[in-house]
Amino acid sequence: MIDLSTGPLGTELEALASTLRQSVVEVRTRGTGAGSGIIWSADGLIVTNAHVARTDHATVVLWDGHELDGVVTAHDPRRDLATIAIDPGSVTLAAATIGHPTDLRTGDVVVALGHPWGITGSIALGIVHAVETRRGAPRWIRADIRLAPGNSGGPLADARGRVVGVNTLIAGGLGVAVPATTVSR
């Protein structure tokens, strides 16, 4: 048996997770439970799923435990995206590095971070199954990766730690993410 936890792969995954965790937040809303979100910009823009941010207000919990009040500023149920604005005050936010999903190929390694079942900063490893396109633009990213309740709204990142999508659902046993290019538009 190969022990990946102490070899180069284990060390690289630990470093990748440590960096990504700083830009992943927990999103709590009254009556809808909790999910994950991504610090999209250091001025306080959080991206999550519309099904996570169903109310006008949310509590955003940073990786270090800081809790900040947020206001839902955009809600797109068709793409299952929402944005939340927070005022970081004196807290320094670590914005995610955004990648381009067209760089992904079938078989590429990806990771998902989030807070499934309340487990803070959980990481899952998988591979890209397909990047579905429509008129040449990425429409969905499908990955053979284990997502669970609480991963919704969290990042799907490539092996370099660049966020290439926002995890949204499980379909046919595969994790499905909205491409980062769709979020940026």
N, C-alpha and C. Protein backbone atom coordinates (compact mmCIF):
# COMPACT_ATOMS: atom_id res chain seq x y z
N MET A 1 0.84 -1.18 0.00
CA MET A 1 0.00 0.00 0.00
C MET A 1 0.88 1.24 0.00
N ILE A 2 0.52 2.22 -0.80
CA ILE A 2 1.26 3.48 -0.87
C ILE A 2 0.67 4.46 0.12
N ASP A 3 1.52 5.07 0.91
CA ASP A 3 1.07 6.07 1.89
C ASP A 3 1.21 7.46 1.27
N LEU A 4 0.09 8.00 0.77
CA LEU A 4 0.11 9.30 0.13
C LEU A 4 0.15 10.45 1.13
N SER A 5 -0.13 10.16 2.40
CA SER A 5 -0.20 11.24 3.38
C SER A 5 1.16 11.85 3.70
N THR A 6 2.23 11.10 3.53
CA THR A 6 3.55 11.62 3.85
C THR A 6 4.41 11.89 2.63
N GLY A 7 3.95 11.49 1.47
CA GLY A 7 4.72 11.70 0.24
C GLY A 7 4.46 13.06 -0.35
N PRO A 8 5.05 13.30 -1.52
CA PRO A 8 4.90 14.61 -2.18
C PRO A 8 3.44 14.96 -2.48
N LEU A 9 2.63 14.00 -2.89
CA LEU A 9 1.23 14.30 -3.20
C LEU A 9 0.48 14.75 -1.95
N GLY A 10 0.69 14.05 -0.85
CA GLY A 10 0.04 14.42 0.40
C GLY A 10 0.44 15.80 0.87
N THR A 11 1.72 16.11 0.74
CA THR A 11 2.22 17.42 1.14
C THR A 11 1.63 18.53 0.25
N GLU A 12 1.56 18.26 -1.06
CA GLU A 12 1.00 19.25 -1.98
C GLU A 12 -0.49 19.47 -1.73
N LEU A 13 -1.23 18.39 -1.46
CA LEU A 13 -2.66 18.53 -1.17
C LEU A 13 -2.89 19.30 0.12
N GLU A 14 -2.06 19.04 1.11
CA GLU A 14 -2.18 19.77 2.38
C GLU A 14 -1.94 21.26 2.18
N ALA A 15 -0.93 21.62 1.38
CA ALA A 15 -0.63 23.03 1.10
C ALA A 15 -1.76 23.67 0.29
N LEU A 16 -2.27 22.95 -0.70
CA LEU A 16 -3.37 23.44 -1.52
C LEU A 16 -4.61 23.71 -0.66
N ALA A 17 -4.96 22.75 0.18
CA ALA A 17 -6.13 22.90 1.06
C ALA A 17 -5.95 24.06 2.04
N SER A 18 -4.76 24.18 2.59
CA SER A 18 -4.49 25.26 3.55
C SER A 18 -4.70 26.63 2.91
N THR A 19 -4.23 26.80 1.69
CA THR A 19 -4.38 28.08 1.00
C THR A 19 -5.84 28.32 0.63
N LEU A 20 -6.50 27.32 0.05
CA LEU A 20 -7.89 27.49 -0.39
C LEU A 20 -8.85 27.75 0.78
N ARG A 21 -8.61 27.11 1.91
CA ARG A 21 -9.51 27.27 3.07
C ARG A 21 -9.66 28.72 3.48
N GLN A 22 -8.64 29.53 3.25
CA GLN A 22 -8.69 30.94 3.66
C GLN A 22 -9.68 31.75 2.82
N SER A 23 -10.06 31.24 1.64
CA SER A 23 -11.02 31.96 0.80
C SER A 23 -12.38 31.26 0.75
N VAL A 24 -12.58 30.25 1.60
CA VAL A 24 -13.87 29.55 1.68
C VAL A 24 -14.55 29.94 2.97
N VAL A 25 -15.83 30.28 2.87
CA VAL A 25 -16.60 30.69 4.05
C VAL A 25 -17.79 29.76 4.25
N GLU A 26 -18.31 29.79 5.44
CA GLU A 26 -19.59 29.12 5.72
C GLU A 26 -20.66 30.19 5.64
N VAL A 27 -21.76 29.87 4.96
CA VAL A 27 -22.88 30.79 4.82
C VAL A 27 -24.05 30.22 5.60
N ARG A 28 -24.54 30.99 6.57
CA ARG A 28 -25.69 30.56 7.37
C ARG A 28 -26.85 31.52 7.12
N THR A 29 -28.01 30.96 6.85
CA THR A 29 -29.21 31.78 6.69
C THR A 29 -30.32 31.19 7.53
N ARG A 30 -31.17 32.06 8.02
CA ARG A 30 -32.27 31.63 8.88
C ARG A 30 -33.24 30.76 8.07
N GLY A 31 -33.52 29.59 8.58
CA GLY A 31 -34.52 28.72 7.98
C GLY A 31 -34.04 27.86 6.82
N THR A 32 -32.85 28.14 6.25
CA THR A 32 -32.39 27.32 5.13
C THR A 32 -31.11 26.56 5.44
N GLY A 33 -30.62 26.67 6.67
CA GLY A 33 -29.44 25.91 7.04
C GLY A 33 -28.15 26.61 6.67
N ALA A 34 -27.16 25.81 6.26
CA ALA A 34 -25.84 26.35 5.98
C ALA A 34 -25.28 25.75 4.70
N GLY A 35 -24.39 26.48 4.11
CA GLY A 35 -23.67 26.04 2.92
C GLY A 35 -22.32 26.70 2.93
N SER A 36 -21.71 26.73 1.77
CA SER A 36 -20.38 27.31 1.65
C SER A 36 -20.43 28.50 0.71
N GLY A 37 -19.36 29.24 0.68
CA GLY A 37 -19.23 30.38 -0.22
C GLY A 37 -17.77 30.63 -0.49
N ILE A 38 -17.53 31.50 -1.46
CA ILE A 38 -16.16 31.81 -1.90
C ILE A 38 -15.96 33.32 -1.79
N ILE A 39 -14.84 33.73 -1.20
CA ILE A 39 -14.49 35.14 -1.18
C ILE A 39 -14.00 35.48 -2.58
N TRP A 40 -14.86 36.14 -3.35
CA TRP A 40 -14.56 36.43 -4.75
C TRP A 40 -13.67 37.66 -4.90
N SER A 41 -13.83 38.61 -3.98
CA SER A 41 -12.95 39.79 -3.98
C SER A 41 -12.73 40.24 -2.54
N ALA A 42 -11.56 40.82 -2.31
CA ALA A 42 -11.14 41.20 -0.96
C ALA A 42 -11.97 42.33 -0.36
N ASP A 43 -12.81 42.98 -1.17
CA ASP A 43 -13.65 44.05 -0.63
C ASP A 43 -14.93 43.52 0.02
N GLY A 44 -15.12 42.20 -0.02
CA GLY A 44 -16.26 41.61 0.69
C GLY A 44 -17.32 40.97 -0.17
N LEU A 45 -17.04 40.69 -1.44
CA LEU A 45 -18.00 40.01 -2.31
C LEU A 45 -17.85 38.50 -2.13
N ILE A 46 -18.95 37.88 -1.71
CA ILE A 46 -18.99 36.43 -1.51
C ILE A 46 -19.90 35.84 -2.59
N VAL A 47 -19.46 34.76 -3.22
CA VAL A 47 -20.28 34.04 -4.19
C VAL A 47 -20.68 32.71 -3.59
N THR A 48 -21.96 32.36 -3.75
CA THR A 48 -22.49 31.10 -3.25
C THR A 48 -23.60 30.65 -4.19
N ASN A 49 -24.36 29.65 -3.78
CA ASN A 49 -25.51 29.19 -4.56
C ASN A 49 -26.77 29.92 -4.15
N ALA A 50 -27.68 30.08 -5.11
CA ALA A 50 -28.98 30.69 -4.81
C ALA A 50 -29.75 29.84 -3.80
N HIS A 51 -29.59 28.51 -3.87
CA HIS A 51 -30.33 27.68 -2.92
C HIS A 51 -29.74 27.73 -1.51
N VAL A 52 -28.55 28.30 -1.37
CA VAL A 52 -27.95 28.51 -0.04
C VAL A 52 -28.40 29.85 0.52
N ALA A 53 -28.43 30.88 -0.32
CA ALA A 53 -28.76 32.24 0.11
C ALA A 53 -30.19 32.58 -0.32
N ARG A 54 -31.15 32.00 0.35
CA ARG A 54 -32.57 32.19 -0.02
C ARG A 54 -33.22 33.37 0.69
N THR A 55 -32.52 33.97 1.63
CA THR A 55 -33.08 35.09 2.38
C THR A 55 -32.29 36.36 2.04
N ASP A 56 -32.74 37.49 2.58
CA ASP A 56 -32.06 38.77 2.30
C ASP A 56 -30.77 38.95 3.08
N HIS A 57 -30.64 38.25 4.18
CA HIS A 57 -29.47 38.40 5.04
C HIS A 57 -28.83 37.04 5.31
N ALA A 58 -27.53 37.06 5.59
CA ALA A 58 -26.81 35.84 5.89
C ALA A 58 -25.70 36.15 6.88
N THR A 59 -25.29 35.14 7.62
CA THR A 59 -24.11 35.24 8.45
C THR A 59 -23.00 34.51 7.71
N VAL A 60 -21.87 35.19 7.56
CA VAL A 60 -20.73 34.62 6.86
C VAL A 60 -19.65 34.34 7.90
N VAL A 61 -19.20 33.08 7.96
CA VAL A 61 -18.18 32.69 8.93
C VAL A 61 -16.88 32.44 8.16
N LEU A 62 -15.85 33.21 8.52
CA LEU A 62 -14.55 33.07 7.86
C LEU A 62 -13.80 31.86 8.40
N TRP A 63 -12.74 31.49 7.72
CA TRP A 63 -11.95 30.31 8.09
C TRP A 63 -11.38 30.40 9.50
N ASP A 64 -11.16 31.63 10.00
CA ASP A 64 -10.58 31.79 11.33
C ASP A 64 -11.64 31.97 12.42
N GLY A 65 -12.93 31.80 12.04
CA GLY A 65 -14.01 31.88 13.02
C GLY A 65 -14.71 33.22 13.10
N HIS A 66 -14.18 34.26 12.49
CA HIS A 66 -14.86 35.56 12.48
C HIS A 66 -16.23 35.42 11.83
N GLU A 67 -17.25 35.98 12.47
CA GLU A 67 -18.61 35.99 11.92
C GLU A 67 -18.96 37.41 11.49
N LEU A 68 -19.42 37.54 10.25
CA LEU A 68 -19.79 38.85 9.71
C LEU A 68 -21.20 38.80 9.15
N ASP A 69 -21.93 39.89 9.31
CA ASP A 69 -23.27 39.99 8.74
C ASP A 69 -23.15 40.29 7.25
N GLY A 70 -24.02 39.65 6.47
CA GLY A 70 -24.01 39.88 5.03
C GLY A 70 -25.39 40.17 4.49
N VAL A 71 -25.41 40.84 3.35
CA VAL A 71 -26.65 41.17 2.66
C VAL A 71 -26.59 40.50 1.29
N VAL A 72 -27.64 39.76 0.94
CA VAL A 72 -27.71 39.12 -0.37
C VAL A 72 -27.97 40.21 -1.40
N THR A 73 -27.05 40.38 -2.35
CA THR A 73 -27.13 41.47 -3.32
C THR A 73 -27.56 41.03 -4.71
N ALA A 74 -27.46 39.74 -4.99
CA ALA A 74 -27.92 39.21 -6.29
C ALA A 74 -28.36 37.77 -6.08
N HIS A 75 -29.35 37.37 -6.85
CA HIS A 75 -29.94 36.04 -6.70
C HIS A 75 -30.39 35.56 -8.08
N ASP A 76 -29.73 34.52 -8.61
CA ASP A 76 -30.05 33.98 -9.93
C ASP A 76 -30.39 32.50 -9.80
N PRO A 77 -31.68 32.18 -9.58
CA PRO A 77 -32.05 30.77 -9.40
C PRO A 77 -31.81 29.92 -10.65
N ARG A 78 -31.84 30.52 -11.83
CA ARG A 78 -31.64 29.74 -13.06
C ARG A 78 -30.24 29.13 -13.10
N ARG A 79 -29.24 29.88 -12.70
CA ARG A 79 -27.86 29.38 -12.66
C ARG A 79 -27.46 28.94 -11.26
N ASP A 80 -28.37 29.05 -10.30
CA ASP A 80 -28.13 28.70 -8.91
C ASP A 80 -26.93 29.47 -8.34
N LEU A 81 -26.93 30.78 -8.57
CA LEU A 81 -25.86 31.65 -8.06
C LEU A 81 -26.45 32.78 -7.25
N ALA A 82 -25.70 33.21 -6.25
CA ALA A 82 -26.07 34.37 -5.45
C ALA A 82 -24.79 35.06 -4.99
N THR A 83 -24.90 36.35 -4.72
CA THR A 83 -23.78 37.08 -4.14
C THR A 83 -24.22 37.69 -2.81
N ILE A 84 -23.27 37.77 -1.93
CA ILE A 84 -23.48 38.35 -0.60
C ILE A 84 -22.40 39.40 -0.40
N ALA A 85 -22.80 40.56 0.08
CA ALA A 85 -21.84 41.62 0.40
C ALA A 85 -21.63 41.64 1.91
N ILE A 86 -20.37 41.66 2.30
CA ILE A 86 -20.03 41.80 3.72
C ILE A 86 -19.08 42.99 3.86
N ASP A 87 -19.09 43.59 5.03
CA ASP A 87 -18.15 44.65 5.34
C ASP A 87 -17.06 44.02 6.20
N PRO A 88 -15.86 43.83 5.63
CA PRO A 88 -14.83 43.13 6.40
C PRO A 88 -14.28 43.93 7.57
N GLY A 89 -14.54 45.24 7.57
CA GLY A 89 -14.01 46.06 8.67
C GLY A 89 -12.50 45.92 8.73
N SER A 90 -11.98 45.55 9.89
CA SER A 90 -10.53 45.43 10.06
C SER A 90 -10.01 44.05 9.70
N VAL A 91 -10.90 43.15 9.29
CA VAL A 91 -10.49 41.78 8.93
C VAL A 91 -9.99 41.78 7.48
N THR A 92 -8.84 41.19 7.25
CA THR A 92 -8.30 41.06 5.90
C THR A 92 -8.86 39.80 5.26
N LEU A 93 -9.51 39.97 4.11
CA LEU A 93 -10.09 38.83 3.40
C LEU A 93 -9.13 38.31 2.35
N ALA A 94 -9.03 37.00 2.25
CA ALA A 94 -8.18 36.35 1.25
C ALA A 94 -9.06 35.94 0.07
N ALA A 95 -9.05 36.76 -0.97
CA ALA A 95 -9.86 36.45 -2.16
C ALA A 95 -9.27 35.24 -2.87
N ALA A 96 -10.16 34.42 -3.42
CA ALA A 96 -9.75 33.25 -4.17
C ALA A 96 -9.06 33.68 -5.46
N THR A 97 -8.15 32.85 -5.92
CA THR A 97 -7.56 33.03 -7.25
C THR A 97 -8.49 32.34 -8.23
N ILE A 98 -8.97 33.09 -9.21
CA ILE A 98 -9.95 32.56 -10.15
C ILE A 98 -9.23 32.02 -11.39
N GLY A 99 -9.59 30.81 -11.78
CA GLY A 99 -9.02 30.17 -12.97
C GLY A 99 -10.00 30.21 -14.12
N HIS A 100 -9.60 29.61 -15.21
CA HIS A 100 -10.46 29.58 -16.40
C HIS A 100 -10.84 28.13 -16.68
N PRO A 101 -12.13 27.80 -16.64
CA PRO A 101 -12.55 26.41 -16.81
C PRO A 101 -12.25 25.82 -18.19
N THR A 102 -11.99 26.66 -19.19
CA THR A 102 -11.65 26.11 -20.51
C THR A 102 -10.28 25.46 -20.50
N ASP A 103 -9.46 25.73 -19.46
CA ASP A 103 -8.17 25.07 -19.32
C ASP A 103 -8.31 23.63 -18.82
N LEU A 104 -9.49 23.26 -18.29
CA LEU A 104 -9.70 21.92 -17.76
C LEU A 104 -9.86 20.91 -18.89
N ARG A 105 -9.36 19.71 -18.64
CA ARG A 105 -9.51 18.60 -19.57
C ARG A 105 -10.04 17.39 -18.80
N THR A 106 -10.72 16.52 -19.48
CA THR A 106 -11.18 15.28 -18.87
C THR A 106 -9.98 14.55 -18.26
N GLY A 107 -10.13 14.16 -17.00
CA GLY A 107 -9.06 13.49 -16.28
C GLY A 107 -8.23 14.39 -15.40
N ASP A 108 -8.38 15.71 -15.52
CA ASP A 108 -7.65 16.63 -14.64
C ASP A 108 -8.10 16.45 -13.20
N VAL A 109 -7.18 16.62 -12.28
CA VAL A 109 -7.48 16.53 -10.85
C VAL A 109 -8.11 17.84 -10.39
N VAL A 110 -9.18 17.74 -9.61
CA VAL A 110 -9.84 18.90 -9.01
C VAL A 110 -10.11 18.61 -7.54
N VAL A 111 -10.30 19.68 -6.78
CA VAL A 111 -10.66 19.55 -5.37
C VAL A 111 -11.88 20.41 -5.09
N ALA A 112 -12.66 19.97 -4.13
CA ALA A 112 -13.81 20.74 -3.64
C ALA A 112 -13.60 20.99 -2.16
N LEU A 113 -13.83 22.23 -1.76
CA LEU A 113 -13.76 22.57 -0.35
C LEU A 113 -15.10 23.09 0.10
N GLY A 114 -15.41 22.87 1.35
CA GLY A 114 -16.67 23.34 1.89
C GLY A 114 -16.85 22.91 3.32
N HIS A 115 -18.10 22.91 3.73
CA HIS A 115 -18.45 22.59 5.12
C HIS A 115 -19.55 21.54 5.17
N PRO A 116 -19.33 20.36 4.55
CA PRO A 116 -20.38 19.34 4.54
C PRO A 116 -20.68 18.83 5.95
N TRP A 117 -21.97 18.74 6.23
CA TRP A 117 -22.45 18.25 7.53
C TRP A 117 -21.80 18.99 8.69
N GLY A 118 -21.44 20.26 8.47
CA GLY A 118 -20.86 21.06 9.54
C GLY A 118 -19.38 20.81 9.79
N ILE A 119 -18.72 20.01 8.95
CA ILE A 119 -17.29 19.75 9.11
C ILE A 119 -16.55 20.90 8.41
N THR A 120 -15.96 21.77 9.18
CA THR A 120 -15.34 22.97 8.66
C THR A 120 -14.10 22.65 7.82
N GLY A 121 -14.05 23.24 6.62
CA GLY A 121 -12.87 23.14 5.78
C GLY A 121 -12.57 21.78 5.20
N SER A 122 -13.60 20.98 4.98
CA SER A 122 -13.42 19.65 4.42
C SER A 122 -12.96 19.73 2.96
N ILE A 123 -12.14 18.79 2.54
CA ILE A 123 -11.66 18.75 1.15
C ILE A 123 -11.99 17.40 0.54
N ALA A 124 -12.37 17.43 -0.73
CA ALA A 124 -12.62 16.20 -1.49
C ALA A 124 -11.80 16.27 -2.77
N LEU A 125 -11.27 15.15 -3.19
CA LEU A 125 -10.44 15.06 -4.38
C LEU A 125 -11.18 14.27 -5.45
N GLY A 126 -11.09 14.72 -6.69
CA GLY A 126 -11.75 14.01 -7.79
C GLY A 126 -11.11 14.35 -9.11
N ILE A 127 -11.77 13.90 -10.18
CA ILE A 127 -11.26 14.18 -11.52
C ILE A 127 -12.38 14.77 -12.38
N VAL A 128 -11.98 15.57 -13.34
CA VAL A 128 -12.95 16.16 -14.26
C VAL A 128 -13.50 15.05 -15.15
N HIS A 129 -14.80 14.97 -15.19
CA HIS A 129 -15.49 14.01 -16.05
C HIS A 129 -15.77 14.67 -17.40
N ALA A 130 -16.23 15.92 -17.39
CA ALA A 130 -16.52 16.65 -18.63
C ALA A 130 -16.71 18.13 -18.32
N VAL A 131 -16.33 18.95 -19.29
CA VAL A 131 -16.68 20.37 -19.27
C VAL A 131 -17.66 20.56 -20.41
N GLU A 132 -18.93 20.71 -20.03
CA GLU A 132 -19.97 20.86 -21.05
C GLU A 132 -19.96 22.30 -21.56
N THR A 133 -20.04 22.44 -22.87
CA THR A 133 -20.03 23.78 -23.46
C THR A 133 -21.30 24.02 -24.26
N ARG A 134 -21.58 25.27 -24.45
CA ARG A 134 -22.70 25.70 -25.28
C ARG A 134 -22.21 26.92 -26.06
N ARG A 135 -22.21 26.78 -27.37
CA ARG A 135 -21.68 27.84 -28.25
C ARG A 135 -20.25 28.22 -27.88
N GLY A 136 -19.46 27.23 -27.51
CA GLY A 136 -18.05 27.43 -27.19
C GLY A 136 -17.75 27.91 -25.79
N ALA A 137 -18.79 28.25 -25.02
CA ALA A 137 -18.57 28.73 -23.65
C ALA A 137 -18.87 27.61 -22.66
N PRO A 138 -18.07 27.48 -21.59
CA PRO A 138 -18.35 26.46 -20.58
C PRO A 138 -19.72 26.68 -19.95
N ARG A 139 -20.51 25.61 -19.88
CA ARG A 139 -21.85 25.69 -19.31
C ARG A 139 -21.91 25.03 -17.94
N TRP A 140 -21.33 23.86 -17.80
CA TRP A 140 -21.26 23.11 -16.55
C TRP A 140 -19.94 22.36 -16.49
N ILE A 141 -19.44 22.16 -15.29
CA ILE A 141 -18.29 21.29 -15.07
C ILE A 141 -18.81 20.09 -14.30
N ARG A 142 -18.56 18.91 -14.82
CA ARG A 142 -18.95 17.67 -14.14
C ARG A 142 -17.68 16.97 -13.69
N ALA A 143 -17.66 16.59 -12.41
CA ALA A 143 -16.47 15.94 -11.86
C ALA A 143 -16.88 14.73 -11.04
N ASP A 144 -16.05 13.72 -11.10
CA ASP A 144 -16.23 12.53 -10.28
C ASP A 144 -15.63 12.86 -8.91
N ILE A 145 -16.46 13.52 -8.09
CA ILE A 145 -15.99 14.02 -6.80
C ILE A 145 -17.12 13.90 -5.79
N ARG A 146 -16.79 13.60 -4.59
CA ARG A 146 -17.81 13.42 -3.55
C ARG A 146 -18.20 14.76 -2.97
N LEU A 147 -19.43 15.18 -3.26
CA LEU A 147 -20.00 16.38 -2.65
C LEU A 147 -21.10 15.95 -1.70
N ALA A 148 -21.32 16.74 -0.68
CA ALA A 148 -22.34 16.43 0.32
C ALA A 148 -23.04 17.73 0.72
N PRO A 149 -24.18 17.62 1.41
CA PRO A 149 -24.84 18.84 1.89
C PRO A 149 -23.85 19.69 2.70
N GLY A 150 -23.74 20.95 2.32
CA GLY A 150 -22.78 21.86 2.94
C GLY A 150 -21.64 22.21 2.00
N ASN A 151 -21.43 21.40 0.94
CA ASN A 151 -20.46 21.74 -0.10
C ASN A 151 -21.05 22.75 -1.07
N SER A 152 -22.37 22.86 -1.12
CA SER A 152 -23.02 23.78 -2.05
C SER A 152 -22.49 25.19 -1.86
N GLY A 153 -22.13 25.83 -2.97
CA GLY A 153 -21.63 27.20 -2.94
C GLY A 153 -20.14 27.29 -2.76
N GLY A 154 -19.49 26.18 -2.46
CA GLY A 154 -18.04 26.18 -2.28
C GLY A 154 -17.30 26.03 -3.60
N PRO A 155 -15.98 26.16 -3.56
CA PRO A 155 -15.21 26.14 -4.79
C PRO A 155 -14.90 24.74 -5.31
N LEU A 156 -14.87 24.65 -6.63
CA LEU A 156 -14.22 23.55 -7.33
C LEU A 156 -12.94 24.17 -7.87
N ALA A 157 -11.80 23.62 -7.47
CA ALA A 157 -10.52 24.22 -7.83
C ALA A 157 -9.65 23.23 -8.58
N ASP A 158 -8.80 23.76 -9.45
CA ASP A 158 -7.87 22.89 -10.17
C ASP A 158 -6.69 22.55 -9.26
N ALA A 159 -5.75 21.77 -9.77
CA ALA A 159 -4.62 21.30 -8.97
C ALA A 159 -3.67 22.42 -8.57
N ARG A 160 -3.81 23.59 -9.19
CA ARG A 160 -2.99 24.75 -8.82
C ARG A 160 -3.68 25.64 -7.79
N GLY A 161 -4.90 25.28 -7.40
CA GLY A 161 -5.63 26.05 -6.41
C GLY A 161 -6.46 27.18 -6.98
N ARG A 162 -6.61 27.23 -8.29
CA ARG A 162 -7.42 28.27 -8.91
C ARG A 162 -8.88 27.80 -8.94
N VAL A 163 -9.79 28.66 -8.51
CA VAL A 163 -11.21 28.32 -8.49
C VAL A 163 -11.72 28.34 -9.93
N VAL A 164 -12.20 27.19 -10.39
CA VAL A 164 -12.71 27.08 -11.77
C VAL A 164 -14.23 26.96 -11.80
N GLY A 165 -14.85 26.75 -10.62
CA GLY A 165 -16.29 26.63 -10.58
C GLY A 165 -16.85 26.74 -9.18
N VAL A 166 -18.18 26.85 -9.12
CA VAL A 166 -18.91 26.90 -7.85
C VAL A 166 -19.76 25.64 -7.78
N ASN A 167 -19.49 24.79 -6.79
CA ASN A 167 -20.23 23.53 -6.65
C ASN A 167 -21.70 23.81 -6.39
N THR A 168 -22.56 23.09 -7.12
CA THR A 168 -23.98 23.38 -6.99
C THR A 168 -24.85 22.16 -6.71
N LEU A 169 -24.54 21.00 -7.29
CA LEU A 169 -25.41 19.85 -7.08
C LEU A 169 -24.71 18.56 -7.46
N ILE A 170 -25.41 17.45 -7.20
CA ILE A 170 -24.95 16.13 -7.60
C ILE A 170 -25.98 15.59 -8.59
N ALA A 171 -25.50 15.14 -9.74
CA ALA A 171 -26.40 14.58 -10.76
C ALA A 171 -25.75 13.33 -11.35
N GLY A 172 -26.46 12.22 -11.30
CA GLY A 172 -25.91 10.99 -11.83
C GLY A 172 -24.65 10.55 -11.13
N GLY A 173 -24.51 10.88 -9.85
CA GLY A 173 -23.34 10.51 -9.08
C GLY A 173 -22.14 11.43 -9.29
N LEU A 174 -22.28 12.45 -10.12
CA LEU A 174 -21.18 13.38 -10.38
C LEU A 174 -21.47 14.74 -9.75
N GLY A 175 -20.42 15.40 -9.28
CA GLY A 175 -20.56 16.76 -8.80
C GLY A 175 -20.68 17.69 -10.00
N VAL A 176 -21.55 18.67 -9.88
CA VAL A 176 -21.76 19.64 -10.96
C VAL A 176 -21.44 21.02 -10.41
N ALA A 177 -20.65 21.78 -11.19
CA ALA A 177 -20.26 23.13 -10.78
C ALA A 177 -20.56 24.12 -11.90
N VAL A 178 -20.94 25.33 -11.49
CA VAL A 178 -21.12 26.44 -12.42
C VAL A 178 -19.72 26.98 -12.72
N PRO A 179 -19.34 27.11 -14.00
CA PRO A 179 -18.00 27.59 -14.33
C PRO A 179 -17.73 29.00 -13.79
N ALA A 180 -16.49 29.25 -13.42
CA ALA A 180 -16.09 30.56 -12.90
C ALA A 180 -16.33 31.68 -13.91
N THR A 181 -16.23 31.37 -15.20
CA THR A 181 -16.48 32.39 -16.22
C THR A 181 -17.93 32.85 -16.20
N THR A 182 -18.85 31.95 -15.89
CA THR A 182 -20.26 32.32 -15.77
C THR A 182 -20.45 33.24 -14.57
N VAL A 183 -19.80 32.93 -13.47
CA VAL A 183 -19.90 33.77 -12.27
C VAL A 183 -19.35 35.15 -12.56
N SER A 184 -18.21 35.24 -13.21
CA SER A 184 -17.58 36.53 -13.50
C SER A 184 -18.45 37.40 -14.40
N ARG A 185 -19.20 36.77 -15.33
CA ARG A 185 -20.10 37.53 -16.19
C ARG A 185 -21.25 38.07 -15.39
